Protein backbone atom coordinates (compact mmCIF):
# COMPACT_ATOMS: atom_id res chain seq x y z
CA MET A 1 4.53 -143.36 -65.91
CA THR A 2 4.51 -146.95 -64.82
CA GLN A 3 3.66 -147.69 -61.19
CA VAL A 4 4.67 -150.26 -58.91
CA VAL A 5 2.10 -150.83 -55.99
CA VAL A 6 2.71 -152.27 -53.28
CA LEU A 7 0.43 -154.21 -50.80
CA GLY A 8 2.13 -155.11 -47.51
CA SER A 9 2.95 -154.91 -43.88
CA LEU A 10 4.77 -152.24 -42.08
CA ASN A 11 6.22 -153.10 -39.58
CA MET A 12 8.82 -151.82 -36.53
CA ASP A 13 11.87 -153.89 -35.81
CA LEU A 14 13.22 -154.25 -32.67
CA VAL A 15 16.56 -155.82 -32.84
CA THR A 16 17.74 -157.32 -29.77
CA THR A 17 21.69 -158.30 -30.03
CA VAL A 18 22.43 -160.91 -27.33
CA ASP A 19 25.23 -163.75 -26.83
CA ARG A 20 22.53 -166.14 -26.41
CA LEU A 21 18.39 -166.56 -25.41
CA PRO A 22 17.61 -166.61 -21.77
CA GLN A 23 16.20 -169.69 -20.14
CA ILE A 24 12.26 -169.65 -18.45
CA GLY A 25 12.76 -167.44 -15.72
CA GLU A 26 15.80 -166.25 -16.11
CA THR A 27 17.18 -162.32 -16.99
CA ILE A 28 19.94 -162.10 -18.87
CA PHE A 29 21.46 -158.62 -20.18
CA ALA A 30 21.93 -157.90 -24.07
CA LYS A 31 24.13 -155.68 -25.97
CA ARG A 32 21.86 -153.27 -27.94
CA LEU A 33 18.55 -152.44 -29.17
CA ASP A 34 17.75 -151.11 -32.60
CA TYR A 35 15.11 -149.66 -34.39
CA PHE A 36 14.47 -150.73 -37.83
CA ILE A 37 11.51 -150.00 -40.45
CA GLY A 38 10.64 -152.90 -41.20
CA GLY A 39 7.62 -155.57 -42.54
CA LYS A 40 8.34 -157.39 -45.96
CA GLY A 41 5.39 -154.60 -47.55
CA ALA A 42 7.48 -151.75 -46.99
CA ASN A 43 10.60 -153.23 -47.31
CA GLN A 44 9.67 -154.13 -50.77
CA ALA A 45 8.18 -150.94 -51.77
CA VAL A 46 11.53 -148.95 -50.44
CA ALA A 47 13.73 -151.23 -52.63
CA ALA A 48 11.85 -150.68 -55.82
CA SER A 49 11.21 -147.07 -55.22
CA ARG A 50 15.48 -146.70 -54.75
CA VAL A 51 16.26 -147.66 -58.12
CA GLY A 52 13.90 -145.64 -59.94
CA GLY A 53 10.30 -147.25 -59.43
CA ASN A 54 7.25 -145.16 -58.99
CA VAL A 55 5.80 -146.74 -55.61
CA THR A 56 2.55 -146.57 -53.88
CA MET A 57 2.73 -148.34 -50.67
CA LEU A 58 -0.88 -150.08 -49.39
CA GLY A 59 -1.07 -151.10 -45.76
CA LYS A 60 -2.27 -149.86 -41.86
CA VAL A 61 0.05 -148.83 -39.32
CA GLY A 62 -1.77 -148.33 -35.80
CA LYS A 63 -2.39 -144.83 -33.89
CA ASP A 64 1.02 -144.93 -32.06
CA THR A 65 4.59 -143.32 -32.44
CA PHE A 66 6.04 -146.04 -34.47
CA GLY A 67 3.04 -145.87 -37.07
CA GLU A 68 4.03 -141.93 -37.28
CA ARG A 69 7.81 -142.81 -37.87
CA ILE A 70 7.30 -145.51 -40.43
CA ILE A 71 4.97 -142.82 -42.48
CA HIS A 72 7.20 -140.49 -42.23
CA HIS A 73 9.99 -142.75 -43.10
CA LEU A 74 8.53 -143.78 -46.09
CA GLN A 75 7.45 -140.15 -47.43
CA GLN A 76 11.54 -139.39 -47.11
CA GLU A 77 11.66 -142.07 -49.48
CA THR A 78 9.78 -140.65 -51.67
CA LEU A 79 6.70 -143.34 -51.88
CA GLU A 80 3.23 -142.58 -52.20
CA VAL A 81 1.45 -142.94 -48.69
CA ALA A 82 -1.72 -141.58 -49.02
CA ALA A 83 -3.56 -144.73 -48.96
CA ILE A 84 -1.98 -146.20 -45.74
CA VAL A 85 -4.37 -146.16 -43.00
CA THR A 86 -4.10 -145.59 -39.23
CA GLU A 87 -6.09 -147.58 -37.28
CA ASP A 88 -7.24 -146.60 -33.93
CA GLN A 89 -7.78 -149.65 -32.28
CA GLN A 90 -4.57 -151.16 -32.76
CA SER A 91 -0.78 -151.31 -32.38
CA THR A 92 1.78 -150.84 -35.26
CA GLY A 93 3.16 -154.39 -36.56
CA ILE A 94 5.97 -155.15 -34.62
CA ALA A 95 8.83 -157.96 -35.04
CA ASN A 96 11.11 -158.53 -31.85
CA VAL A 97 14.42 -159.88 -33.46
CA PHE A 98 17.03 -161.69 -31.27
CA LYS A 99 19.97 -161.67 -32.97
CA LEU A 100 22.42 -164.28 -31.47
CA PRO A 101 26.30 -164.48 -33.03
CA LYS A 102 25.44 -167.09 -36.10
CA ASP A 103 21.93 -166.66 -36.17
CA ASN A 104 18.92 -164.81 -35.04
CA CYS A 105 15.04 -165.74 -34.01
CA ILE A 106 11.77 -163.56 -34.39
CA MET A 107 8.87 -163.05 -33.02
CA VAL A 108 5.87 -161.32 -34.77
CA VAL A 109 2.85 -159.09 -33.33
CA SER A 110 0.72 -158.40 -36.65
CA GLY A 111 -1.14 -155.16 -34.95
CA ALA A 112 -2.39 -153.25 -37.63
CA ASN A 113 -1.23 -155.72 -40.51
CA ALA A 114 -4.41 -158.09 -39.44
CA CYS A 115 -6.84 -155.48 -40.24
CA VAL A 116 -5.82 -155.72 -44.36
CA ASP A 117 -8.99 -156.55 -45.55
CA GLU A 118 -10.90 -157.38 -48.86
CA ALA A 119 -12.26 -153.88 -47.66
CA TYR A 120 -9.70 -152.10 -47.37
CA VAL A 121 -8.24 -153.84 -50.99
CA LYS A 122 -11.75 -152.72 -52.35
CA GLN A 123 -11.22 -149.07 -51.55
CA ASN A 124 -8.21 -149.16 -53.01
CA ALA A 125 -9.32 -150.73 -56.30
CA ALA A 126 -8.09 -147.78 -58.69
CA THR A 127 -4.42 -147.17 -57.59
CA ILE A 128 -4.22 -151.42 -58.20
CA GLU A 129 -6.12 -151.17 -61.76
CA THR A 130 -3.83 -148.25 -62.64
CA ALA A 131 -0.89 -149.99 -61.85
CA THR A 132 1.88 -151.70 -63.73
CA VAL A 133 2.89 -154.04 -61.50
CA LEU A 134 1.21 -154.97 -58.24
CA LEU A 135 3.63 -156.69 -55.43
CA MET A 136 2.12 -159.03 -52.77
CA GLN A 137 3.46 -160.86 -49.91
CA LEU A 138 2.09 -162.81 -47.10
CA GLU A 139 2.70 -160.83 -43.86
CA THR A 140 -1.32 -159.59 -44.40
CA PRO A 141 -4.45 -161.88 -44.70
CA ILE A 142 -4.33 -163.81 -47.48
CA GLU A 143 -8.09 -162.50 -48.04
CA ALA A 144 -6.62 -159.44 -48.78
CA VAL A 145 -3.85 -160.63 -51.46
CA ARG A 146 -6.68 -163.04 -52.88
CA LYS A 147 -9.02 -159.84 -53.16
CA ALA A 148 -6.22 -158.04 -54.96
CA VAL A 149 -4.80 -160.58 -57.23
CA SER A 150 -8.66 -160.39 -58.69
CA ILE A 151 -8.74 -157.09 -59.23
CA ALA A 152 -5.45 -156.72 -60.72
CA LYS A 153 -6.21 -159.83 -63.07
CA ALA A 154 -9.35 -157.91 -64.31
CA ALA A 155 -7.50 -154.86 -65.25
CA GLY A 156 -4.37 -156.78 -67.29
CA VAL A 157 -1.74 -155.49 -64.54
CA THR A 158 1.32 -157.74 -63.98
CA THR A 159 1.41 -159.36 -60.40
CA ILE A 160 4.04 -160.71 -58.23
CA LEU A 161 3.69 -162.59 -55.44
CA ASN A 162 6.48 -163.15 -52.55
CA PRO A 163 4.97 -166.62 -50.67
CA ALA A 164 6.58 -165.38 -47.38
CA PRO A 165 5.69 -165.90 -45.07
CA PHE A 166 4.78 -169.40 -46.37
CA SER A 167 0.90 -170.32 -46.28
CA GLU A 168 -0.68 -173.61 -47.81
CA GLU A 169 -3.48 -171.10 -48.58
CA VAL A 170 -0.89 -169.88 -51.40
CA LYS A 171 -1.44 -172.95 -53.47
CA GLU A 172 -4.48 -171.51 -54.71
CA LEU A 173 -3.12 -168.49 -56.36
CA LEU A 174 -0.77 -170.61 -58.46
CA THR A 175 -3.03 -170.17 -61.75
CA GLU A 176 -4.18 -166.23 -60.97
CA VAL A 177 -0.43 -164.45 -60.02
CA GLU A 178 1.48 -163.93 -62.98
CA TYR A 179 5.20 -164.59 -61.16
CA ILE A 180 5.56 -165.98 -58.13
CA THR A 181 9.08 -165.62 -56.13
CA PRO A 182 9.41 -168.62 -53.22
CA ASN A 183 13.24 -169.45 -51.89
CA GLU A 184 14.47 -172.94 -51.68
CA LEU A 185 12.07 -173.91 -48.85
CA GLU A 186 9.08 -172.13 -49.56
CA PHE A 187 9.36 -173.60 -53.43
CA GLN A 188 9.19 -177.40 -51.75
CA GLY A 189 6.15 -176.30 -49.84
CA LEU A 190 4.21 -175.63 -53.07
CA LEU A 191 4.99 -178.68 -55.01
CA PRO A 192 2.78 -181.42 -55.03
CA ASN A 193 3.36 -184.29 -53.15
CA ASP A 194 4.33 -186.32 -56.51
CA LEU A 195 7.05 -184.16 -57.45
CA LYS A 196 8.62 -183.53 -53.98
CA ALA A 197 10.91 -186.62 -54.65
CA LEU A 198 12.08 -184.54 -57.95
CA SER A 199 15.62 -183.22 -58.39
CA PHE A 200 15.55 -179.38 -58.11
CA GLU A 201 15.25 -179.00 -62.12
CA ALA A 202 13.29 -181.38 -62.51
CA ALA A 203 10.54 -180.24 -60.31
CA MET A 204 10.91 -176.57 -61.51
CA LEU A 205 10.02 -177.41 -65.39
CA GLU A 206 6.94 -179.91 -63.89
CA PHE A 207 5.77 -177.25 -62.08
CA SER A 208 6.08 -174.71 -64.91
CA THR A 209 4.03 -177.15 -67.27
CA ARG A 210 1.44 -177.11 -64.57
CA PHE A 211 1.23 -174.11 -63.78
CA GLN A 212 0.35 -170.72 -65.24
CA THR A 213 2.45 -169.02 -62.91
CA ARG A 214 6.17 -167.90 -63.62
CA LEU A 215 8.35 -169.49 -61.29
CA ILE A 216 11.54 -167.80 -59.83
CA VAL A 217 13.25 -169.27 -56.96
CA THR A 218 15.73 -167.42 -55.16
CA ARG A 219 18.75 -169.98 -53.95
CA GLY A 220 20.86 -167.66 -51.42
CA SER A 221 24.25 -168.34 -52.35
CA LYS A 222 23.53 -170.59 -55.30
CA GLY A 223 21.71 -167.75 -57.03
CA VAL A 224 18.34 -167.13 -58.89
CA SER A 225 16.41 -169.85 -60.80
CA PHE A 226 13.90 -169.36 -63.15
CA VAL A 227 12.98 -171.55 -66.46
CA GLU A 228 12.77 -169.70 -70.18
CA ASN A 229 12.29 -172.02 -73.33
CA GLY A 230 11.64 -175.25 -71.18
CA LYS A 231 15.09 -175.23 -69.33
CA VAL A 232 16.27 -173.68 -66.21
CA VAL A 233 18.31 -170.95 -66.17
CA THR A 234 19.91 -169.73 -62.85
CA ILE A 235 21.61 -166.55 -62.44
CA PRO A 236 24.52 -166.38 -60.24
CA THR A 237 24.96 -164.75 -57.17
CA ARG A 238 28.04 -162.24 -56.85
CA LYS A 239 30.70 -161.91 -54.63
CA ALA A 240 30.72 -160.01 -51.87
CA LYS A 241 32.05 -159.33 -48.47
CA VAL A 242 28.36 -160.41 -46.67
CA VAL A 243 27.41 -158.51 -43.40
CA ASP A 244 23.85 -159.40 -43.31
CA THR A 245 21.74 -161.19 -45.13
CA THR A 246 18.66 -159.88 -43.67
CA GLY A 247 16.20 -158.30 -46.24
CA ALA A 248 18.19 -159.49 -49.18
CA GLY A 249 14.84 -161.31 -50.72
CA ASP A 250 12.84 -158.31 -49.90
CA THR A 251 15.20 -156.38 -52.20
CA LEU A 252 15.45 -158.71 -54.87
CA ASN A 253 11.32 -158.43 -55.26
CA GLY A 254 11.07 -155.10 -55.00
CA ILE A 255 13.92 -154.36 -57.58
CA LEU A 256 12.05 -157.22 -59.93
CA ALA A 257 8.95 -155.33 -59.71
CA THR A 258 10.78 -152.24 -60.69
CA GLN A 259 12.68 -153.90 -63.58
CA LEU A 260 9.54 -155.42 -64.97
CA SER A 261 7.26 -151.95 -64.48
CA LYS A 262 10.01 -150.84 -67.37
CA GLY A 263 9.50 -153.56 -69.76
CA GLU A 264 12.61 -154.88 -69.12
CA THR A 265 12.83 -158.72 -69.83
CA LEU A 266 12.80 -161.16 -67.13
CA GLU A 267 16.08 -162.74 -67.21
CA THR A 268 16.97 -159.11 -67.54
CA ALA A 269 15.37 -157.98 -64.41
CA ILE A 270 16.08 -160.57 -62.52
CA GLU A 271 19.94 -160.22 -63.12
CA PHE A 272 19.81 -156.81 -62.01
CA ALA A 273 17.72 -157.78 -58.88
CA THR A 274 20.00 -160.83 -57.94
CA ILE A 275 22.89 -158.12 -58.11
CA GLY A 276 20.84 -155.94 -55.73
CA ALA A 277 19.88 -158.23 -53.42
CA THR A 278 23.88 -159.27 -53.00
CA LEU A 279 25.01 -156.03 -52.53
CA SER A 280 22.30 -155.26 -49.82
CA THR A 281 24.39 -158.11 -47.71
CA THR A 282 27.15 -155.81 -47.46
CA LYS A 283 25.08 -153.56 -44.67
CA PHE A 284 23.83 -154.29 -41.67
CA GLY A 285 20.01 -154.21 -41.62
CA ALA A 286 17.17 -154.87 -44.15
CA GLN A 287 16.33 -150.94 -45.76
CA THR A 288 19.48 -149.83 -44.57
CA GLY A 289 21.25 -152.17 -46.66
CA MET A 290 19.04 -151.34 -50.08
CA PRO A 291 21.21 -149.63 -53.00
CA ILE A 292 20.32 -146.76 -54.77
CA LEU A 293 20.40 -147.25 -58.58
CA ASN A 294 23.77 -145.41 -59.05
CA GLU A 295 25.35 -147.57 -55.96
CA LEU A 296 23.83 -150.76 -58.13
CA GLU A 297 25.16 -149.73 -61.25
CA LYS A 298 28.16 -149.31 -60.58
CA PHE A 299 28.55 -153.03 -58.73
CA LYS A 300 27.24 -154.56 -61.67
CA ASN A 301 30.27 -152.63 -64.00
CA LEU A 302 32.47 -154.02 -61.44
C-alpha cells in the first residue's frame, strides 16, 4: 500500500472579517470571527487524504483545546495521527487572519510547531523510511526538514518540498529534494542572481539544468509550469467561480503527493492537482474547500 507522510505545521486559524484594519490605539468592531483547522502541513495532509491518499501526519500541537480539536478533526479526515506529539509547555500554533474586502493579512504564532526538531524526526525515521512520498513545507524549523529529507533520500522515498513561507536556507536543499513546488514569487527567491533577469521560461530551463530537483511552479490563474524533455510545459487553470483562494496551493501539493504515490506520471499528477486546486477556490476556507475524489473527477469531466 502506498503511503504519503506529511511533515509540517498544525494551526488553528482565527479569521476575523473586517472592513478595515484599526489604527494604532484605535478599537473597531469586526463583522465576524471564524475558526478553521489550518497550518500548511495539516492542509496538505487533508488534501492528500481526500483524494485517496493513505496519509500519516507528523507534527506537534500544544496542550490546549485547539490541539485537541485539531487531532480530533484529522482523525475524522481518516489521517493517521498517532505520531502527532502534544507539547505540555507550548500552545498550539495560531494564525490570526484579518480578512479585508479585497485582501488579507496574517500574523502567525508558531507555538508547538517550533518544537518540531531533529530529535522528533529521528524518532519517526521508520515512518519516513516506509513512505512512498514525503511532503514538507517550511512552517516548521528547517533543521527538521533537512533531517527528514536525509532520511527519506537514503531510503529511496520520493520527496516534495513546498518552500513556503520562503527562506533563503531552502537553497541548500535544491540538490537533495526530488520535487520543489514554489509559487512565482518563491521561484524568484530561489533563483541565483545571474538568472533573475531572464524571462520566466528561460529561468525555469536554466534552473532545471543546474539543480537536480524537479521544478514545479504554481502561477495562480496562469496555471502550473514544469520542465519536461527540455521544454517548459504549462497546465492551464480551469475556469471557475472563485470565492476564496486560501489553501489552493496546499490543495495542489497534497493532491500531487497522492497522485505521485500512486505511480502517476508527473504531467498527469500535475494536471489532476491543478484541477483540484481550482475547484478548492469555489468555497470559503482552506480545508473546507478541498475536494473529495468524486467531486474532483466530476469537475474534471465537465
